[in-house]
């Protein structure tokens, strides 16, 4: 009977250690998950900033091109004609 009591105590000790280990691992995993979420959230903010910057640059470029066409309409038509001719020539060669 003494061995049954010591066996039960050993089993309880092992179970207690196992629970402690599981708790530590769960706590560490929780911290890792939180850190990953924070990093991903920061990455999302950075991507949104880059997209906004790209939109602003595209708007600036469109404004510049529109201004050039308004100021030099004949030159713009000539450039468009040359670009179209080159494009058609290259497409025909394929």
C-alpha atoms as a PDB file:
ATOM      1  CA  UNK A   1       0.000   0.000   0.000  1.00  0.00           C
ATOM      2  CA  UNK A   2       2.919   2.313   0.588  1.00  0.00           C
ATOM      3  CA  UNK A   3       3.952   1.965  -3.032  1.00  0.00           C
ATOM      4  CA  UNK A   4       0.421   2.799  -4.163  1.00  0.00           C
ATOM      5  CA  UNK A   5       0.533   6.016  -2.112  1.00  0.00           C
ATOM      6  CA  UNK A   6       3.989   6.959  -3.394  1.00  0.00           C
ATOM      7  CA  UNK A   7       2.925   6.060  -6.958  1.00  0.00           C
ATOM      8  CA  UNK A   8      -0.090   8.341  -6.662  1.00  0.00           C
ATOM      9  CA  UNK A   9       2.130  11.111  -5.285  1.00  0.00           C
ATOM     10  CA  UNK A  10       4.618  10.667  -8.155  1.00  0.00           C
ATOM     11  CA  UNK A  11       1.777  10.762 -10.678  1.00  0.00           C
ATOM     12  CA  UNK A  12       0.436  13.954  -9.088  1.00  0.00           C
ATOM     13  CA  UNK A  13       3.906  15.514  -9.170  1.00  0.00           C
ATOM     14  CA  UNK A  14       4.365  14.623 -12.844  1.00  0.00           C
ATOM     15  CA  UNK A  15       0.883  15.932 -13.647  1.00  0.00           C
ATOM     16  CA  UNK A  16       1.639  19.149 -11.764  1.00  0.00           C
ATOM     17  CA  UNK A  17       4.921  19.640 -13.669  1.00  0.00           C
ATOM     18  CA  UNK A  18       3.131  18.917 -16.945  1.00  0.00           C
ATOM     19  CA  UNK A  19       0.490  21.542 -16.130  1.00  0.00           C
ATOM     20  CA  UNK A  20       3.182  24.094 -15.253  1.00  0.00           C
ATOM     21  CA  UNK A  21       4.978  23.393 -18.529  1.00  0.00           C
ATOM     22  CA  UNK A  22       1.766  23.699 -20.540  1.00  0.00           C
ATOM     23  CA  UNK A  23       0.952  26.984 -18.782  1.00  0.00           C
ATOM     24  CA  UNK A  24       4.426  28.392 -19.536  1.00  0.00           C
ATOM     25  CA  UNK A  25       4.207  27.357 -23.182  1.00  0.00           C
ATOM     26  CA  UNK A  26       0.712  28.840 -23.506  1.00  0.00           C
ATOM     27  CA  UNK A  27       1.884  32.091 -21.929  1.00  0.00           C
ATOM     28  CA  UNK A  28       4.870  32.276 -24.292  1.00  0.00           C
ATOM     29  CA  UNK A  29       2.655  31.507 -27.287  1.00  0.00           C
ATOM     30  CA  UNK A  30       0.249  34.242 -26.194  1.00  0.00           C
ATOM     31  CA  UNK A  31       3.078  36.786 -26.045  1.00  0.00           C
ATOM     32  CA  UNK A  32       4.376  35.650 -29.438  1.00  0.00           C
ATOM     33  CA  UNK A  33       0.903  35.969 -30.951  1.00  0.00           C
ATOM     34  CA  UNK A  34       0.484  39.457 -29.506  1.00  0.00           C
ATOM     35  CA  UNK A  35       3.882  40.545 -30.851  1.00  0.00           C
ATOM     36  CA  UNK A  36       3.059  39.133 -34.293  1.00  0.00           C
ATOM     37  CA  UNK A  37      -0.277  40.964 -34.345  1.00  0.00           C
ATOM     38  CA  UNK A  38       1.426  44.246 -33.416  1.00  0.00           C
ATOM     39  CA  UNK A  39       4.015  43.807 -36.179  1.00  0.00           C
ATOM     40  CA  UNK A  40       1.340  42.959 -38.741  1.00  0.00           C
ATOM     41  CA  UNK A  41      -0.734  45.937 -37.662  1.00  0.00           C
ATOM     42  CA  UNK A  42       2.307  48.186 -38.107  1.00  0.00           C
ATOM     43  CA  UNK A  43       2.974  46.657 -41.525  1.00  0.00           C
ATOM     44  CA  UNK A  44      -0.621  47.384 -42.553  1.00  0.00           C
ATOM     45  CA  UNK A  45      -0.201  51.018 -41.544  1.00  0.00           C
ATOM     46  CA  UNK A  46       3.027  51.227 -43.525  1.00  0.00           C
ATOM     47  CA  UNK A  47       1.381  49.753 -46.623  1.00  0.00           C
ATOM     48  CA  UNK A  48      -1.501  52.226 -46.347  1.00  0.00           C
ATOM     49  CA  UNK A  49       1.004  55.099 -46.131  1.00  0.00           C
ATOM     50  CA  UNK A  50       2.867  53.827 -49.223  1.00  0.00           C
ATOM     51  CA  UNK A  51      -0.391  53.498 -51.175  1.00  0.00           C
ATOM     52  CA  UNK A  52      -1.395  57.028 -50.186  1.00  0.00           C
ATOM     53  CA  UNK A  53       2.032  58.330 -51.258  1.00  0.00           C
ATOM     54  CA  UNK A  54       1.696  56.518 -54.604  1.00  0.00           C
ATOM     55  CA  UNK A  55      -1.739  58.049 -55.187  1.00  0.00           C
ATOM     56  CA  UNK A  56      -0.419  61.518 -54.414  1.00  0.00           C
ATOM     57  CA  UNK A  57       2.527  61.057 -56.801  1.00  0.00           C
ATOM     58  CA  UNK A  58       0.188  59.782 -59.545  1.00  0.00           C
ATOM     59  CA  UNK A  59      -2.062  62.823 -59.057  1.00  0.00           C
ATOM     60  CA  UNK A  60       0.973  65.136 -59.251  1.00  0.00           C
ATOM     61  CA  UNK A  61       2.158  63.456 -62.445  1.00  0.00           C
ATOM     62  CA  UNK A  62      -1.301  63.638 -63.994  1.00  0.00           C
ATOM     63  CA  UNK A  63      -1.448  67.335 -63.140  1.00  0.00           C
ATOM     64  CA  UNK A  64       1.955  67.908 -64.747  1.00  0.00           C
ATOM     65  CA  UNK A  65       0.991  66.072 -67.935  1.00  0.00           C
ATOM     66  CA  UNK A  66      -2.335  67.884 -68.134  1.00  0.00           C
ATOM     67  CA  UNK A  67      -0.554  71.221 -67.698  1.00  0.00           C
ATOM     68  CA  UNK A  68       1.951  70.371 -70.436  1.00  0.00           C
ATOM     69  CA  UNK A  69      -0.847  69.403 -72.836  1.00  0.00           C
ATOM     70  CA  UNK A  70      -2.704  72.647 -72.060  1.00  0.00           C
ATOM     71  CA  UNK A  71       0.461  74.720 -72.595  1.00  0.00           C
ATOM     72  CA  UNK A  72       1.733  72.879 -75.700  1.00  0.00           C
ATOM     73  CA  UNK A  73      -1.217  71.200 -77.447  1.00  0.00           C
ATOM     74  CA  UNK A  74       0.439  70.760 -80.873  1.00  0.00           C
ATOM     75  CA  UNK A  75       3.591  69.255 -79.374  1.00  0.00           C
ATOM     76  CA  UNK A  76       1.449  66.890 -77.272  1.00  0.00           C
ATOM     77  CA  UNK A  77      -0.476  65.758 -80.385  1.00  0.00           C
ATOM     78  CA  UNK A  78       2.794  65.187 -82.244  1.00  0.00           C
ATOM     79  CA  UNK A  79       4.258  63.174 -79.380  1.00  0.00           C
ATOM     80  CA  UNK A  80       1.085  61.096 -79.147  1.00  0.00           C
ATOM     81  CA  UNK A  81       1.227  60.416 -82.893  1.00  0.00           C
ATOM     82  CA  UNK A  82       4.891  59.343 -82.752  1.00  0.00           C
ATOM     83  CA  UNK A  83       4.262  57.127 -79.710  1.00  0.00           C
ATOM     84  CA  UNK A  84       1.248  55.515 -81.413  1.00  0.00           C
ATOM     85  CA  UNK A  85       3.215  54.901 -84.600  1.00  0.00           C
ATOM     86  CA  UNK A  86       6.092  53.291 -82.694  1.00  0.00           C
ATOM     87  CA  UNK A  87       3.699  51.143 -80.690  1.00  0.00           C
ATOM     88  CA  UNK A  88       1.866  49.950 -83.830  1.00  0.00           C
ATOM     89  CA  UNK A  89       5.187  49.201 -85.522  1.00  0.00           C
ATOM     90  CA  UNK A  90       6.396  47.132 -82.592  1.00  0.00           C
ATOM     91  CA  UNK A  91       3.088  45.255 -82.311  1.00  0.00           C
ATOM     92  CA  UNK A  92       3.182  44.350 -86.028  1.00  0.00           C
ATOM     93  CA  UNK A  93       6.647  42.790 -85.690  1.00  0.00           C
ATOM     94  CA  UNK A  94       5.472  40.234 -83.146  1.00  0.00           C
END
